[in-house]
Amino acid sequence: MKQLNNQHFNNMYFNSNIKFLRKHRNRTQDDVAFSLQMKRSTLSGYENGVSEPNLEALVAFSKYFGIAIDTLVKVDLSGISPSQLSQLERGYDVHLKGSNIRVLATTVNNDNDENIELVTEKAKAGYATGFADPEYIKVLPTFTMPFLSHDRKYRTFQISGDSMLPIPDGSYVTGEYVLDWTYIRSGQPYIVLTQDDGIVFKIVENKIEHESKLTLSSLNPLYQPYDLAATDIKEVWKFVHYISAELPEQRENRFREEQLIQTVQELKRQVEEIQLKLNI
């Protein structure tokens, strides 16, 4: 099989990636070479950039590590976060689905564990433009929650408005980063960073596979569902929990008030329609 052009391959990450993945999984060169049915010297040549892999070798490494060829070649895996690497190893590699990889900017604490960054109401506007900038993410307040998984990436957003009542205005909603949007579960709540509307917290119906869009709905029935094109999505975070200063009874009372207002408005509209028909 014809080998790849050396000039094309020099600036890629394949050599360092296969070495990084081997060490990350605590495998020796002998282990990997035996599994791939190749000489140890051949594997060493690939890792050191001395030898050029042919397409057959690229496919073999892709199958062995469970990571797409595009990712092995184009993405510096040593530079991504532990949670992203964990998602790749669990099969959530977007290159396997023919889409573009999304690299999340994140921060870690002194123990090299990922922080939970806090995006307050005041920080929302800046986050909409700086979400992919490591320097911007670095200045966000951070904290940890020991009861959450260390293998996943979380971020907390302060929500505003009453569209998700009984979750009240000003609550802090924590989400788990979703790398592969085809895994979004319909009927579940998500925090979505959008192109035009910034951060929204909604119940999502996933129509990406067939219609390239999400349908977003509110818990508050006063708000109508609307569609969001996949091209207008920047980030998706799966709802984990929320923190609020309001007691549950207070939230329930506010929700009942909203329902009562909606009922009164609907009755008023019906009366006006009857009056128009009777020419009163």
Protein backbone atom coordinates (compact mmCIF):
# COMPACT_ATOMS: atom_id res chain seq x y z
CA MET A 1 0.00 0.00 0.00
CA LYS A 2 1.31 3.44 -0.91
CA GLN A 3 2.81 5.45 1.94
CA LEU A 4 1.70 8.95 2.85
CA ASN A 5 3.70 11.88 1.55
CA ASN A 6 6.39 12.79 4.12
CA GLN A 7 6.02 16.55 3.63
CA HIS A 8 2.28 16.31 4.25
CA PHE A 9 2.71 14.19 7.38
CA ASN A 10 5.52 16.02 9.18
CA ASN A 11 3.33 18.69 10.78
CA MET A 12 0.69 16.26 12.07
CA TYR A 13 0.34 14.74 15.54
CA PHE A 14 0.21 11.03 14.71
CA ASN A 15 3.67 10.16 16.05
CA SER A 16 3.24 11.90 19.40
CA ASN A 17 -0.38 10.75 19.74
CA ILE A 18 0.26 7.01 19.44
CA LYS A 19 3.11 7.33 21.95
CA PHE A 20 0.92 9.38 24.30
CA LEU A 21 -2.00 6.93 24.06
CA ARG A 22 0.28 3.93 24.60
CA LYS A 23 1.72 5.42 27.78
CA HIS A 24 -1.70 6.69 28.90
CA ARG A 25 -2.95 3.09 28.78
CA ASN A 26 0.21 1.73 30.45
CA ARG A 27 1.18 -0.38 27.43
CA THR A 28 4.72 -1.19 26.35
CA GLN A 29 5.91 -1.04 22.77
CA ASP A 30 6.03 -4.84 22.81
CA ASP A 31 2.35 -4.97 23.90
CA VAL A 32 1.16 -2.69 21.11
CA ALA A 33 3.40 -4.20 18.43
CA PHE A 34 2.18 -7.71 19.30
CA SER A 35 -1.48 -6.63 19.16
CA LEU A 36 -0.98 -4.92 15.80
CA GLN A 37 1.12 -7.79 14.44
CA MET A 38 4.08 -5.57 13.58
CA LYS A 39 7.73 -5.44 14.61
CA ARG A 40 8.63 -3.45 17.70
CA SER A 41 11.20 -1.54 15.63
CA THR A 42 8.44 -0.51 13.19
CA LEU A 43 6.30 0.84 16.03
CA SER A 44 9.32 2.65 17.49
CA GLY A 45 9.94 4.21 14.09
CA TYR A 46 6.36 5.50 13.93
CA GLU A 47 6.53 6.95 17.45
CA ASN A 48 9.86 8.69 16.80
CA GLY A 49 8.80 10.06 13.42
CA VAL A 50 11.46 8.05 11.57
CA SER A 51 9.00 5.92 9.61
CA GLU A 52 5.90 6.97 7.73
CA PRO A 53 2.71 4.96 8.35
CA ASN A 54 0.80 3.73 5.35
CA LEU A 55 -2.98 3.73 5.22
CA GLU A 56 -3.16 0.15 6.46
CA ALA A 57 -1.13 1.09 9.54
CA LEU A 58 -3.31 4.16 10.19
CA VAL A 59 -6.44 2.02 10.10
CA ALA A 60 -4.84 -0.51 12.46
CA PHE A 61 -3.91 2.16 15.03
CA SER A 62 -7.37 3.73 14.74
CA LYS A 63 -9.06 0.41 15.51
CA TYR A 64 -6.63 -0.43 18.31
CA PHE A 65 -7.10 2.86 20.19
CA GLY A 66 -10.76 3.31 19.17
CA ILE A 67 -10.05 6.82 17.88
CA ALA A 68 -10.69 8.13 14.36
CA ILE A 69 -7.77 8.59 11.96
CA ASP A 70 -8.60 12.29 11.59
CA THR A 71 -8.30 12.73 15.34
CA LEU A 72 -5.07 10.73 15.58
CA VAL A 73 -3.53 12.86 12.84
CA LYS A 74 -4.99 16.34 13.39
CA VAL A 75 -5.52 16.76 17.15
CA ASP A 76 -2.80 17.04 19.79
CA LEU A 77 -4.30 14.60 22.29
CA SER A 78 -1.78 15.51 24.98
CA GLY A 79 -3.22 19.04 24.97
CA ILE A 80 -6.89 18.23 25.53
CA SER A 81 -8.58 17.94 28.92
CA PRO A 82 -8.88 14.61 30.78
CA SER A 83 -12.66 14.68 30.36
CA GLN A 84 -12.34 15.13 26.58
CA LEU A 85 -9.85 12.29 26.36
CA SER A 86 -12.21 10.14 28.43
CA GLN A 87 -15.07 10.90 26.01
CA LEU A 88 -12.90 10.00 23.03
CA GLU A 89 -11.96 6.69 24.63
CA ARG A 90 -15.62 5.94 25.36
CA GLY A 91 -16.37 6.29 21.64
CA TYR A 92 -17.65 9.87 21.51
CA ASP A 93 -15.25 10.84 18.70
CA VAL A 94 -17.03 13.32 16.44
CA HIS A 95 -14.66 12.54 13.56
CA LEU A 96 -16.13 9.04 13.49
CA LYS A 97 -19.44 10.71 12.65
CA GLY A 98 -18.04 13.04 9.97
CA SER A 99 -18.29 16.30 11.89
CA ASN A 100 -15.70 18.76 13.16
CA ILE A 101 -14.02 18.23 16.49
CA ARG A 102 -14.85 20.72 19.24
CA VAL A 103 -12.04 21.40 21.68
CA LEU A 104 -13.25 22.79 25.02
CA ALA A 105 -11.26 25.45 26.86
CA THR A 106 -10.99 24.46 30.52
CA THR A 107 -9.01 24.97 33.73
CA VAL A 108 -7.50 22.63 36.34
CA ASN A 109 -6.67 22.98 40.03
CA ASN A 110 -3.38 22.29 41.81
CA ASP A 111 -4.12 18.56 41.84
CA ASN A 112 -4.60 18.62 38.05
CA ASP A 113 -8.34 17.96 38.47
CA GLU A 114 -10.69 19.97 36.30
CA ASN A 115 -12.44 22.91 37.92
CA ILE A 116 -16.09 23.79 37.62
CA GLU A 117 -16.07 27.29 36.13
CA LEU A 118 -18.87 29.68 37.13
CA VAL A 119 -20.54 31.85 34.49
CA THR A 120 -22.54 34.48 36.37
CA GLU A 121 -25.28 36.66 34.90
CA LYS A 122 -22.76 39.48 34.41
CA ALA A 123 -20.33 37.15 32.63
CA LYS A 124 -22.85 35.79 30.11
CA ALA A 125 -22.19 38.37 27.39
CA GLY A 126 -18.45 37.81 27.58
CA TYR A 127 -18.85 34.04 27.60
CA ALA A 128 -20.81 34.12 24.34
CA THR A 129 -17.70 35.39 22.55
CA GLY A 130 -14.91 34.08 24.80
CA PHE A 131 -16.12 30.53 25.46
CA ALA A 132 -13.38 29.04 23.24
CA ASP A 133 -10.60 31.33 24.52
CA PRO A 134 -8.47 29.69 27.26
CA GLU A 135 -7.41 33.14 28.51
CA TYR A 136 -11.04 34.16 29.06
CA ILE A 137 -12.00 30.86 30.71
CA LYS A 138 -8.98 31.24 33.01
CA VAL A 139 -10.43 34.38 34.66
CA LEU A 140 -13.83 32.85 35.51
CA PRO A 141 -14.47 31.97 39.19
CA THR A 142 -13.93 28.25 39.88
CA PHE A 143 -14.95 25.70 42.48
CA THR A 144 -15.25 21.94 42.92
CA MET A 145 -18.02 19.51 43.88
CA PRO A 146 -16.50 16.31 45.26
CA PHE A 147 -19.67 14.28 44.62
CA LEU A 148 -19.42 14.80 40.83
CA SER A 149 -17.41 12.48 38.56
CA HIS A 150 -13.75 13.34 37.98
CA ASP A 151 -13.95 11.86 34.47
CA ARG A 152 -16.45 14.39 33.17
CA LYS A 153 -16.40 18.12 32.56
CA TYR A 154 -18.86 20.42 34.35
CA ARG A 155 -19.63 24.13 34.23
CA THR A 156 -22.19 26.20 36.16
CA PHE A 157 -24.32 28.97 34.65
CA GLN A 158 -26.56 31.50 36.38
CA ILE A 159 -29.92 31.62 34.62
CA SER A 160 -32.28 34.59 34.37
CA GLY A 161 -35.98 34.99 33.67
CA ASP A 162 -39.00 32.84 34.43
CA SER A 163 -39.12 30.57 31.37
CA MET A 164 -38.01 27.53 33.40
CA LEU A 165 -40.21 28.00 36.46
CA PRO A 166 -40.45 26.42 38.98
CA ILE A 167 -36.63 26.74 38.72
CA PRO A 168 -36.44 30.40 39.75
CA ASP A 169 -34.72 33.41 38.25
CA GLY A 170 -31.11 33.70 39.42
CA SER A 171 -30.56 29.99 40.05
CA TYR A 172 -27.18 28.41 39.36
CA VAL A 173 -27.51 25.50 36.92
CA THR A 174 -24.68 22.98 36.51
CA GLY A 175 -24.22 21.08 33.27
CA GLU A 176 -22.04 18.23 31.99
CA TYR A 177 -20.26 18.98 28.71
CA VAL A 178 -21.71 17.18 25.68
CA LEU A 179 -19.12 16.60 22.97
CA ASP A 180 -21.27 14.57 20.58
CA TRP A 181 -24.61 16.29 19.97
CA THR A 182 -26.19 13.15 18.53
CA TYR A 183 -26.22 11.85 22.13
CA ILE A 184 -28.58 14.61 23.29
CA ARG A 185 -31.65 12.91 24.78
CA SER A 186 -35.03 14.32 23.81
CA GLY A 187 -37.21 15.50 26.67
CA GLN A 188 -34.26 16.29 28.91
CA PRO A 189 -33.03 19.74 30.09
CA TYR A 190 -29.82 21.20 28.63
CA ILE A 191 -27.89 24.46 28.76
CA VAL A 192 -27.20 25.58 25.19
CA LEU A 193 -24.84 28.32 24.05
CA THR A 194 -26.40 29.77 20.90
CA GLN A 195 -25.13 31.98 18.12
CA ASP A 196 -27.64 34.80 18.60
CA ASP A 197 -29.38 34.34 21.97
CA GLY A 198 -26.40 33.52 24.16
CA ILE A 199 -26.95 31.00 26.95
CA VAL A 200 -30.40 29.37 27.16
CA PHE A 201 -31.68 26.71 29.53
CA LYS A 202 -34.40 24.59 27.92
CA ILE A 203 -36.01 21.19 27.49
CA VAL A 204 -34.57 19.82 24.24
CA GLU A 205 -35.98 17.66 21.46
CA ASN A 206 -33.09 16.31 19.38
CA LYS A 207 -33.73 16.53 15.62
CA ILE A 208 -30.10 16.97 14.56
CA GLU A 209 -29.69 13.65 12.76
CA HIS A 210 -32.61 14.11 10.35
CA GLU A 211 -33.41 17.85 10.42
CA SER A 212 -30.15 19.44 11.65
CA LYS A 213 -31.88 21.29 14.48
CA LEU A 214 -33.01 21.20 18.09
CA THR A 215 -36.48 22.17 19.31
CA LEU A 216 -36.27 24.10 22.59
CA SER A 217 -39.15 24.25 25.07
CA SER A 218 -39.66 25.96 28.43
CA LEU A 219 -41.13 24.52 31.62
CA ASN A 220 -43.25 27.67 31.91
CA PRO A 221 -46.25 27.18 29.55
CA LEU A 222 -46.37 30.92 28.83
CA TYR A 223 -43.39 30.44 26.51
CA GLN A 224 -43.74 28.80 23.10
CA PRO A 225 -41.25 26.19 21.78
CA TYR A 226 -38.88 27.23 18.99
CA ASP A 227 -36.33 25.62 16.69
CA LEU A 228 -32.58 26.15 16.80
CA ALA A 229 -30.48 25.21 13.76
CA ALA A 230 -27.42 23.06 14.46
CA THR A 231 -25.28 25.71 12.78
CA ASP A 232 -26.37 28.18 15.51
CA ILE A 233 -25.21 25.92 18.36
CA LYS A 234 -21.85 26.62 19.99
CA GLU A 235 -21.92 24.43 23.11
CA VAL A 236 -24.29 21.98 24.82
CA TRP A 237 -24.27 21.07 28.52
CA LYS A 238 -26.48 18.33 29.99
CA PHE A 239 -28.37 19.46 33.12
CA VAL A 240 -27.02 17.92 36.34
CA HIS A 241 -28.52 20.00 39.16
CA TYR A 242 -29.30 23.54 40.25
CA ILE A 243 -28.72 25.69 43.34
CA SER A 244 -31.23 28.29 44.49
CA ALA A 245 -31.69 30.52 47.52
CA GLU A 246 -35.48 30.12 47.35
CA LEU A 247 -37.34 27.48 49.35
CA PRO A 248 -39.40 24.91 47.38
CA GLU A 249 -42.69 26.28 48.76
CA GLN A 250 -41.85 29.75 47.48
CA ARG A 251 -41.07 28.35 44.02
CA GLU A 252 -44.32 26.37 43.93
CA ASN A 253 -46.33 29.47 44.89
CA ARG A 254 -44.69 31.51 42.13
CA PHE A 255 -45.39 28.75 39.62
CA ARG A 256 -49.07 28.63 40.66
CA GLU A 257 -49.25 32.40 40.25
CA GLU A 258 -47.91 32.10 36.71
CA GLN A 259 -50.45 29.40 35.91
CA LEU A 260 -53.26 31.56 37.34
CA ILE A 261 -52.15 34.54 35.26
CA GLN A 262 -52.11 32.35 32.15
CA THR A 263 -55.64 31.09 32.90
CA VAL A 264 -56.97 34.63 33.43
CA GLN A 265 -55.36 35.82 30.20
CA GLU A 266 -56.88 32.91 28.28
CA LEU A 267 -60.34 33.60 29.73
CA LYS A 268 -60.00 37.28 28.85
CA ARG A 269 -59.08 36.38 25.27
CA GLN A 270 -62.08 34.07 24.95
CA VAL A 271 -64.46 36.75 26.29
CA GLU A 272 -63.08 39.28 23.78
CA GLU A 273 -63.63 36.79 20.92
CA ILE A 274 -67.24 36.19 22.04
CA GLN A 275 -67.86 39.95 22.26
CA LEU A 276 -66.54 40.46 18.74
CA LYS A 277 -68.79 37.70 17.37
CA LEU A 278 -71.83 39.23 19.09
CA ASN A 279 -70.76 42.74 18.04
CA ILE A 280 -70.97 43.92 21.64
